[in-house]
């Protein structure tokens, strides 16, 4: 059985009835959407989604920085004045 990673859960049929009311009840918390009592999706506020996307971008950039640090011996010294 899969773990539900939200404080609020709702069936797909309940979600169809009145999605606005459910969003209000959750007060910005994630909502697990269940299909046959198993998580099928998570409904999260737009701000939370945007913050997650920013975190993923930051993580990917950090990975790229670490990769490129390994190539430090190939770096070329450049003066900022030359740019």
PDB file of N, CA and C in Angstrom:
ATOM      1  N   UNK A   1       0.841  -1.190   0.000  1.00  0.00           N
ATOM      2  CA  UNK A   1       0.000   0.000   0.000  1.00  0.00           C
ATOM      3  C   UNK A   1       0.879   1.243   0.000  1.00  0.00           C
ATOM      4  N   UNK A   2       0.555   2.182  -0.855  1.00  0.00           N
ATOM      5  CA  UNK A   2       1.332   3.414  -0.955  1.00  0.00           C
ATOM      6  C   UNK A   2       0.952   4.391   0.138  1.00  0.00           C
ATOM      7  N   UNK A   3       1.948   5.109   0.609  1.00  0.00           N
ATOM      8  CA  UNK A   3       1.744   6.090   1.665  1.00  0.00           C
ATOM      9  C   UNK A   3       1.105   7.351   1.099  1.00  0.00           C
ATOM     10  N   UNK A   4       0.176   7.941   1.847  1.00  0.00           N
ATOM     11  CA  UNK A   4      -0.452   9.207   1.463  1.00  0.00           C
ATOM     12  C   UNK A   4       0.367  10.327   2.093  1.00  0.00           C
ATOM     13  N   UNK A   5       0.929  11.190   1.255  1.00  0.00           N
ATOM     14  CA  UNK A   5       1.834  12.236   1.724  1.00  0.00           C
ATOM     15  C   UNK A   5       1.139  13.592   1.817  1.00  0.00           C
ATOM     16  N   UNK A   6      -0.024  13.610   2.430  1.00  0.00           N
ATOM     17  CA  UNK A   6      -0.776  14.855   2.604  1.00  0.00           C
ATOM     18  C   UNK A   6      -1.688  14.710   3.820  1.00  0.00           C
ATOM     19  N   UNK A   7      -1.987  15.843   4.448  1.00  0.00           N
ATOM     20  CA  UNK A   7      -2.897  15.825   5.596  1.00  0.00           C
ATOM     21  C   UNK A   7      -4.356  15.710   5.169  1.00  0.00           C
ATOM     22  N   UNK A   8      -4.645  16.109   3.939  1.00  0.00           N
ATOM     23  CA  UNK A   8      -6.006  16.057   3.410  1.00  0.00           C
ATOM     24  C   UNK A   8      -6.053  15.082   2.249  1.00  0.00           C
ATOM     25  N   UNK A   9      -7.144  14.323   2.164  1.00  0.00           N
ATOM     26  CA  UNK A   9      -7.331  13.425   1.029  1.00  0.00           C
ATOM     27  C   UNK A   9      -8.782  13.480   0.580  1.00  0.00           C
ATOM     28  N   UNK A  10      -8.979  13.171  -0.685  1.00  0.00           N
ATOM     29  CA  UNK A  10     -10.305  13.236  -1.277  1.00  0.00           C
ATOM     30  C   UNK A  10     -10.370  12.237  -2.433  1.00  0.00           C
ATOM     31  N   UNK A  11     -11.531  11.671  -2.648  1.00  0.00           N
ATOM     32  CA  UNK A  11     -11.693  10.784  -3.797  1.00  0.00           C
ATOM     33  C   UNK A  11     -11.867  11.635  -5.048  1.00  0.00           C
ATOM     34  N   UNK A  12     -11.643  11.014  -6.176  1.00  0.00           N
ATOM     35  CA  UNK A  12     -11.791  11.735  -7.442  1.00  0.00           C
ATOM     36  C   UNK A  12     -13.225  12.221  -7.612  1.00  0.00           C
ATOM     37  N   UNK A  13     -14.187  11.398  -7.228  1.00  0.00           N
ATOM     38  CA  UNK A  13     -15.594  11.804  -7.380  1.00  0.00           C
ATOM     39  C   UNK A  13     -15.931  12.982  -6.466  1.00  0.00           C
ATOM     40  N   UNK A  14     -15.377  13.024  -5.253  1.00  0.00           N
ATOM     41  CA  UNK A  14     -15.604  14.172  -4.363  1.00  0.00           C
ATOM     42  C   UNK A  14     -14.970  15.432  -4.940  1.00  0.00           C
ATOM     43  N   UNK A  15     -13.796  15.275  -5.526  1.00  0.00           N
ATOM     44  CA  UNK A  15     -13.101  16.415  -6.131  1.00  0.00           C
ATOM     45  C   UNK A  15     -13.926  17.021  -7.260  1.00  0.00           C
ATOM     46  N   UNK A  16     -14.564  16.175  -8.053  1.00  0.00           N
ATOM     47  CA  UNK A  16     -15.389  16.654  -9.167  1.00  0.00           C
ATOM     48  C   UNK A  16     -16.593  17.462  -8.686  1.00  0.00           C
ATOM     49  N   UNK A  17     -17.138  17.110  -7.528  1.00  0.00           N
ATOM     50  CA  UNK A  17     -18.351  17.772  -7.036  1.00  0.00           C
ATOM     51  C   UNK A  17     -18.131  19.240  -6.716  1.00  0.00           C
ATOM     52  N   UNK A  18     -17.072  19.551  -5.965  1.00  0.00           N
ATOM     53  CA  UNK A  18     -16.864  20.940  -5.553  1.00  0.00           C
ATOM     54  C   UNK A  18     -15.391  21.201  -5.257  1.00  0.00           C
ATOM     55  N   UNK A  19     -14.575  21.358  -6.303  1.00  0.00           N
ATOM     56  CA  UNK A  19     -13.143  21.543  -6.087  1.00  0.00           C
ATOM     57  C   UNK A  19     -12.807  22.821  -5.304  1.00  0.00           C
ATOM     58  N   UNK A  20     -13.565  23.885  -5.510  1.00  0.00           N
ATOM     59  CA  UNK A  20     -13.288  25.145  -4.808  1.00  0.00           C
ATOM     60  C   UNK A  20     -13.448  25.000  -3.300  1.00  0.00           C
ATOM     61  N   UNK A  21     -14.471  24.284  -2.880  1.00  0.00           N
ATOM     62  CA  UNK A  21     -14.703  24.072  -1.448  1.00  0.00           C
ATOM     63  C   UNK A  21     -13.563  23.267  -0.830  1.00  0.00           C
ATOM     64  N   UNK A  22     -13.078  22.267  -1.554  1.00  0.00           N
ATOM     65  CA  UNK A  22     -11.974  21.451  -1.042  1.00  0.00           C
ATOM     66  C   UNK A  22     -10.709  22.282  -0.886  1.00  0.00           C
ATOM     67  N   UNK A  23     -10.438  23.134  -1.862  1.00  0.00           N
ATOM     68  CA  UNK A  23      -9.262  24.000  -1.768  1.00  0.00           C
ATOM     69  C   UNK A  23      -9.370  24.929  -0.565  1.00  0.00           C
ATOM     70  N   UNK A  24     -10.545  25.438  -0.316  1.00  0.00           N
ATOM     71  CA  UNK A  24     -10.754  26.317   0.838  1.00  0.00           C
ATOM     72  C   UNK A  24     -10.556  25.554   2.143  1.00  0.00           C
ATOM     73  N   UNK A  25     -11.085  24.352   2.222  1.00  0.00           N
ATOM     74  CA  UNK A  25     -10.960  23.539   3.436  1.00  0.00           C
ATOM     75  C   UNK A  25      -9.506  23.188   3.733  1.00  0.00           C
ATOM     76  N   UNK A  26      -8.715  22.971   2.693  1.00  0.00           N
ATOM     77  CA  UNK A  26      -7.320  22.565   2.884  1.00  0.00           C
ATOM     78  C   UNK A  26      -6.442  23.743   3.306  1.00  0.00           C
ATOM     79  N   UNK A  27      -6.906  24.953   3.100  1.00  0.00           N
ATOM     80  CA  UNK A  27      -6.176  26.163   3.513  1.00  0.00           C
ATOM     81  C   UNK A  27      -4.727  26.180   3.035  1.00  0.00           C
ATOM     82  N   UNK A  28      -4.509  25.825   1.786  1.00  0.00           N
ATOM     83  CA  UNK A  28      -3.166  25.875   1.222  1.00  0.00           C
ATOM     84  C   UNK A  28      -2.336  24.624   1.397  1.00  0.00           C
ATOM     85  N   UNK A  29      -2.836  23.645   2.109  1.00  0.00           N
ATOM     86  CA  UNK A  29      -2.116  22.379   2.283  1.00  0.00           C
ATOM     87  C   UNK A  29      -2.339  21.483   1.067  1.00  0.00           C
ATOM     88  N   UNK A  30      -1.408  20.572   0.805  1.00  0.00           N
ATOM     89  CA  UNK A  30      -1.600  19.630  -0.302  1.00  0.00           C
ATOM     90  C   UNK A  30      -2.803  18.721  -0.051  1.00  0.00           C
ATOM     91  N   UNK A  31      -3.447  18.321  -1.130  1.00  0.00           N
ATOM     92  CA  UNK A  31      -4.583  17.406  -1.060  1.00  0.00           C
ATOM     93  C   UNK A  31      -4.228  16.167  -1.877  1.00  0.00           C
ATOM     94  N   UNK A  32      -4.314  15.002  -1.254  1.00  0.00           N
ATOM     95  CA  UNK A  32      -4.099  13.754  -1.976  1.00  0.00           C
ATOM     96  C   UNK A  32      -5.412  13.377  -2.657  1.00  0.00           C
ATOM     97  N   UNK A  33      -5.359  13.141  -3.950  1.00  0.00           N
ATOM     98  CA  UNK A  33      -6.533  12.708  -4.705  1.00  0.00           C
ATOM     99  C   UNK A  33      -6.425  11.190  -4.847  1.00  0.00           C
ATOM    100  N   UNK A  34      -7.421  10.500  -4.288  1.00  0.00           N
ATOM    101  CA  UNK A  34      -7.376   9.046  -4.229  1.00  0.00           C
ATOM    102  C   UNK A  34      -8.254   8.400  -5.291  1.00  0.00           C
ATOM    103  N   UNK A  35      -7.755   7.315  -5.840  1.00  0.00           N
ATOM    104  CA  UNK A  35      -8.514   6.488  -6.767  1.00  0.00           C
ATOM    105  C   UNK A  35      -8.458   5.072  -6.209  1.00  0.00           C
ATOM    106  N   UNK A  36      -9.597   4.543  -5.797  1.00  0.00           N
ATOM    107  CA  UNK A  36      -9.675   3.234  -5.142  1.00  0.00           C
ATOM    108  C   UNK A  36      -8.764   3.207  -3.904  1.00  0.00           C
ATOM    109  N   UNK A  37      -8.830   4.290  -3.127  1.00  0.00           N
ATOM    110  CA  UNK A  37      -8.081   4.440  -1.867  1.00  0.00           C
ATOM    111  C   UNK A  37      -6.564   4.441  -2.032  1.00  0.00           C
ATOM    112  N   UNK A  38      -6.088   4.727  -3.225  1.00  0.00           N
ATOM    113  CA  UNK A  38      -4.650   4.852  -3.472  1.00  0.00           C
ATOM    114  C   UNK A  38      -4.394   6.233  -4.068  1.00  0.00           C
ATOM    115  N   UNK A  39      -3.291   6.883  -3.681  1.00  0.00           N
ATOM    116  CA  UNK A  39      -2.996   8.211  -4.242  1.00  0.00           C
ATOM    117  C   UNK A  39      -2.840   8.152  -5.760  1.00  0.00           C
ATOM    118  N   UNK A  40      -3.630   8.956  -6.456  1.00  0.00           N
ATOM    119  CA  UNK A  40      -3.540   9.042  -7.906  1.00  0.00           C
ATOM    120  C   UNK A  40      -2.869  10.356  -8.312  1.00  0.00           C
ATOM    121  N   UNK A  41      -3.000  11.368  -7.455  1.00  0.00           N
ATOM    122  CA  UNK A  41      -2.425  12.682  -7.749  1.00  0.00           C
ATOM    123  C   UNK A  41      -2.402  13.504  -6.466  1.00  0.00           C
ATOM    124  N   UNK A  42      -1.663  14.581  -6.512  1.00  0.00           N
ATOM    125  CA  UNK A  42      -1.651  15.542  -5.413  1.00  0.00           C
ATOM    126  C   UNK A  42      -2.012  16.900  -5.969  1.00  0.00           C
ATOM    127  N   UNK A  43      -2.862  17.590  -5.267  1.00  0.00           N
ATOM    128  CA  UNK A  43      -3.292  18.932  -5.645  1.00  0.00           C
ATOM    129  C   UNK A  43      -2.602  19.885  -4.677  1.00  0.00           C
ATOM    130  N   UNK A  44      -1.765  20.768  -5.223  1.00  0.00           N
ATOM    131  CA  UNK A  44      -1.029  21.701  -4.370  1.00  0.00           C
ATOM    132  C   UNK A  44      -1.268  23.124  -4.848  1.00  0.00           C
ATOM    133  N   UNK A  45      -1.158  24.099  -3.941  1.00  0.00           N
ATOM    134  CA  UNK A  45      -1.336  25.490  -4.340  1.00  0.00           C
ATOM    135  C   UNK A  45      -0.275  25.907  -5.365  1.00  0.00           C
ATOM    136  N   UNK A  46      -0.614  26.867  -6.201  1.00  0.00           N
ATOM    137  CA  UNK A  46       0.299  27.342  -7.239  1.00  0.00           C
ATOM    138  C   UNK A  46       1.614  27.837  -6.637  1.00  0.00           C
ATOM    139  N   UNK A  47       1.540  28.521  -5.499  1.00  0.00           N
ATOM    140  CA  UNK A  47       2.759  29.047  -4.870  1.00  0.00           C
ATOM    141  C   UNK A  47       3.694  27.909  -4.456  1.00  0.00           C
ATOM    142  N   UNK A  48       3.128  26.828  -3.960  1.00  0.00           N
ATOM    143  CA  UNK A  48       3.927  25.675  -3.549  1.00  0.00           C
ATOM    144  C   UNK A  48       4.586  25.034  -4.764  1.00  0.00           C
ATOM    145  N   UNK A  49       3.836  24.898  -5.841  1.00  0.00           N
ATOM    146  CA  UNK A  49       4.383  24.321  -7.073  1.00  0.00           C
ATOM    147  C   UNK A  49       5.532  25.179  -7.597  1.00  0.00           C
ATOM    148  N   UNK A  50       5.328  26.498  -7.607  1.00  0.00           N
ATOM    149  CA  UNK A  50       6.368  27.408  -8.096  1.00  0.00           C
ATOM    150  C   UNK A  50       7.623  27.309  -7.227  1.00  0.00           C
ATOM    151  N   UNK A  51       7.450  27.211  -5.917  1.00  0.00           N
ATOM    152  CA  UNK A  51       8.600  27.083  -5.014  1.00  0.00           C
ATOM    153  C   UNK A  51       9.339  25.767  -5.267  1.00  0.00           C
ATOM    154  N   UNK A  52       8.592  24.692  -5.509  1.00  0.00           N
ATOM    155  CA  UNK A  52       9.221  23.403  -5.818  1.00  0.00           C
ATOM    156  C   UNK A  52      10.020  23.473  -7.114  1.00  0.00           C
ATOM    157  N   UNK A  53       9.467  24.127  -8.113  1.00  0.00           N
ATOM    158  CA  UNK A  53      10.180  24.266  -9.392  1.00  0.00           C
ATOM    159  C   UNK A  53      11.466  25.077  -9.206  1.00  0.00           C
ATOM    160  N   UNK A  54      11.414  26.124  -8.389  1.00  0.00           N
ATOM    161  CA  UNK A  54      12.615  26.917  -8.095  1.00  0.00           C
ATOM    162  C   UNK A  54      13.665  26.061  -7.389  1.00  0.00           C
ATOM    163  N   UNK A  55      13.223  25.239  -6.445  1.00  0.00           N
ATOM    164  CA  UNK A  55      14.157  24.367  -5.719  1.00  0.00           C
ATOM    165  C   UNK A  55      14.808  23.356  -6.662  1.00  0.00           C
ATOM    166  N   UNK A  56      14.033  22.809  -7.579  1.00  0.00           N
ATOM    167  CA  UNK A  56      14.581  21.847  -8.540  1.00  0.00           C
ATOM    168  C   UNK A  56      15.590  22.539  -9.449  1.00  0.00           C
ATOM    169  N   UNK A  57      15.275  23.749  -9.918  1.00  0.00           N
ATOM    170  CA  UNK A  57      16.213  24.507 -10.750  1.00  0.00           C
ATOM    171  C   UNK A  57      17.511  24.772  -9.998  1.00  0.00           C
ATOM    172  N   UNK A  58      17.395  25.185  -8.735  1.00  0.00           N
ATOM    173  CA  UNK A  58      18.585  25.445  -7.918  1.00  0.00           C
ATOM    174  C   UNK A  58      19.423  24.184  -7.746  1.00  0.00           C
ATOM    175  N   UNK A  59      18.762  23.068  -7.520  1.00  0.00           N
ATOM    176  CA  UNK A  59      19.464  21.799  -7.360  1.00  0.00           C
ATOM    177  C   UNK A  59      20.211  21.428  -8.640  1.00  0.00           C
ATOM    178  N   UNK A  60      19.540  21.563  -9.788  1.00  0.00           N
ATOM    179  CA  UNK A  60      20.181  21.230 -11.063  1.00  0.00           C
ATOM    180  C   UNK A  60      21.364  22.140 -11.344  1.00  0.00           C
ATOM    181  N   UNK A  61      21.244  23.430 -11.002  1.00  0.00           N
ATOM    182  CA  UNK A  61      22.364  24.347 -11.181  1.00  0.00           C
ATOM    183  C   UNK A  61      23.527  23.975 -10.269  1.00  0.00           C
ATOM    184  N   UNK A  62      23.234  23.574  -9.039  1.00  0.00           N
ATOM    185  CA  UNK A  62      24.277  23.155  -8.106  1.00  0.00           C
ATOM    186  C   UNK A  62      25.005  21.918  -8.628  1.00  0.00           C
ATOM    187  N   UNK A  63      24.248  20.998  -9.222  1.00  0.00           N
ATOM    188  CA  UNK A  63      24.858  19.803  -9.819  1.00  0.00           C
ATOM    189  C   UNK A  63      25.797  20.190 -10.959  1.00  0.00           C
ATOM    190  N   UNK A  64      25.368  21.136 -11.779  1.00  0.00           N
ATOM    191  CA  UNK A  64      26.183  21.600 -12.899  1.00  0.00           C
ATOM    192  C   UNK A  64      27.469  22.265 -12.396  1.00  0.00           C
ATOM    193  N   UNK A  65      27.348  23.069 -11.345  1.00  0.00           N
ATOM    194  CA  UNK A  65      28.526  23.723 -10.758  1.00  0.00           C
ATOM    195  C   UNK A  65      29.512  22.665 -10.268  1.00  0.00           C
ATOM    196  N   UNK A  66      29.019  21.652  -9.568  1.00  0.00           N
ATOM    197  CA  UNK A  66      29.895  20.597  -9.063  1.00  0.00           C
ATOM    198  C   UNK A  66      30.571  19.839 -10.201  1.00  0.00           C
ATOM    199  N   UNK A  67      29.834  19.589 -11.271  1.00  0.00           N
ATOM    200  CA  UNK A  67      30.404  18.920 -12.445  1.00  0.00           C
ATOM    201  C   UNK A  67      31.546  19.731 -13.023  1.00  0.00           C
ATOM    202  N   UNK A  68      31.300  21.019 -13.166  1.00  0.00           N
ATOM    203  CA  UNK A  68      32.287  21.900 -13.795  1.00  0.00           C
ATOM    204  C   UNK A  68      33.488  22.163 -12.895  1.00  0.00           C
ATOM    205  N   UNK A  69      33.320  22.034 -11.598  1.00  0.00           N
ATOM    206  CA  UNK A  69      34.468  22.177 -10.691  1.00  0.00           C
ATOM    207  C   UNK A  69      35.511  21.100 -10.965  1.00  0.00           C
ATOM    208  N   UNK A  70      35.056  19.966 -11.428  1.00  0.00           N
ATOM    209  CA  UNK A  70      35.978  18.879 -11.766  1.00  0.00           C
ATOM    210  C   UNK A  70      36.827  19.202 -12.981  1.00  0.00           C
ATOM    211  N   UNK A  71      36.356  20.138 -13.803  1.00  0.00           N
ATOM    212  CA  UNK A  71      37.087  20.536 -15.010  1.00  0.00           C
ATOM    213  C   UNK A  71      37.896  21.813 -14.780  1.00  0.00           C
ATOM    214  N   UNK A  72      38.205  22.090 -13.532  1.00  0.00           N
ATOM    215  CA  UNK A  72      38.872  23.341 -13.184  1.00  0.00           C
ATOM    216  C   UNK A  72      40.241  23.470 -13.863  1.00  0.00           C
ATOM    217  N   UNK A  73      40.927  22.356 -14.107  1.00  0.00           N
ATOM    218  CA  UNK A  73      42.245  22.400 -14.739  1.00  0.00           C
ATOM    219  C   UNK A  73      42.169  22.881 -16.189  1.00  0.00           C
ATOM    220  N   UNK A  74      40.992  22.853 -16.781  1.00  0.00           N
ATOM    221  CA  UNK A  74      40.812  23.317 -18.160  1.00  0.00           C
ATOM    222  C   UNK A  74      40.332  24.772 -18.221  1.00  0.00           C
ATOM    223  N   UNK A  75      40.175  25.401 -17.060  1.00  0.00           N
ATOM    224  CA  UNK A  75      39.656  26.768 -17.002  1.00  0.00           C
ATOM    225  C   UNK A  75      40.656  27.753 -17.610  1.00  0.00           C
ATOM    226  N   UNK A  76      40.120  28.817 -18.179  1.00  0.00           N
ATOM    227  CA  UNK A  76      40.923  29.882 -18.776  1.00  0.00           C
ATOM    228  C   UNK A  76      40.740  31.122 -17.924  1.00  0.00           C
ATOM    229  N   UNK A  77      41.841  31.766 -17.546  1.00  0.00           N
ATOM    230  CA  UNK A  77      41.769  32.984 -16.750  1.00  0.00           C
ATOM    231  C   UNK A  77      41.343  34.139 -17.640  1.00  0.00           C
ATOM    232  N   UNK A  78      40.333  34.872 -17.196  1.00  0.00           N
ATOM    233  CA  UNK A  78      39.806  36.004 -17.965  1.00  0.00           C
ATOM    234  C   UNK A  78      39.670  37.192 -17.022  1.00  0.00           C
ATOM    235  N   UNK A  79      40.039  38.347 -17.481  1.00  0.00           N
ATOM    236  CA  UNK A  79      39.868  39.569 -16.704  1.00  0.00           C
ATOM    237  C   UNK A  79      38.467  40.115 -16.939  1.00  0.00           C
ATOM    238  N   UNK A  80      37.835  40.595 -15.892  1.00  0.00           N
ATOM    239  CA  UNK A  80      36.511  41.190 -16.054  1.00  0.00           C
ATOM    240  C   UNK A  80      36.542  42.419 -16.943  1.00  0.00           C
ATOM    241  N   UNK A  81      37.659  43.115 -16.953  1.00  0.00           N
ATOM    242  CA  UNK A  81      37.804  44.287 -17.804  1.00  0.00           C
ATOM    243  C   UNK A  81      37.793  43.916 -19.295  1.00  0.00           C
ATOM    244  N   UNK A  82      38.230  42.708 -19.595  1.00  0.00           N
ATOM    245  CA  UNK A  82      38.250  42.232 -20.982  1.00  0.00           C
ATOM    246  C   UNK A  82      36.859  41.855 -21.486  1.00  0.00           C
ATOM    247  N   UNK A  83      35.959  41.655 -20.561  1.00  0.00           N
ATOM    248  CA  UNK A  83      34.610  41.258 -20.957  1.00  0.00           C
ATOM    249  C   UNK A  83      33.857  42.500 -21.352  1.00  0.00           C
TER     250      UNK A  83
END
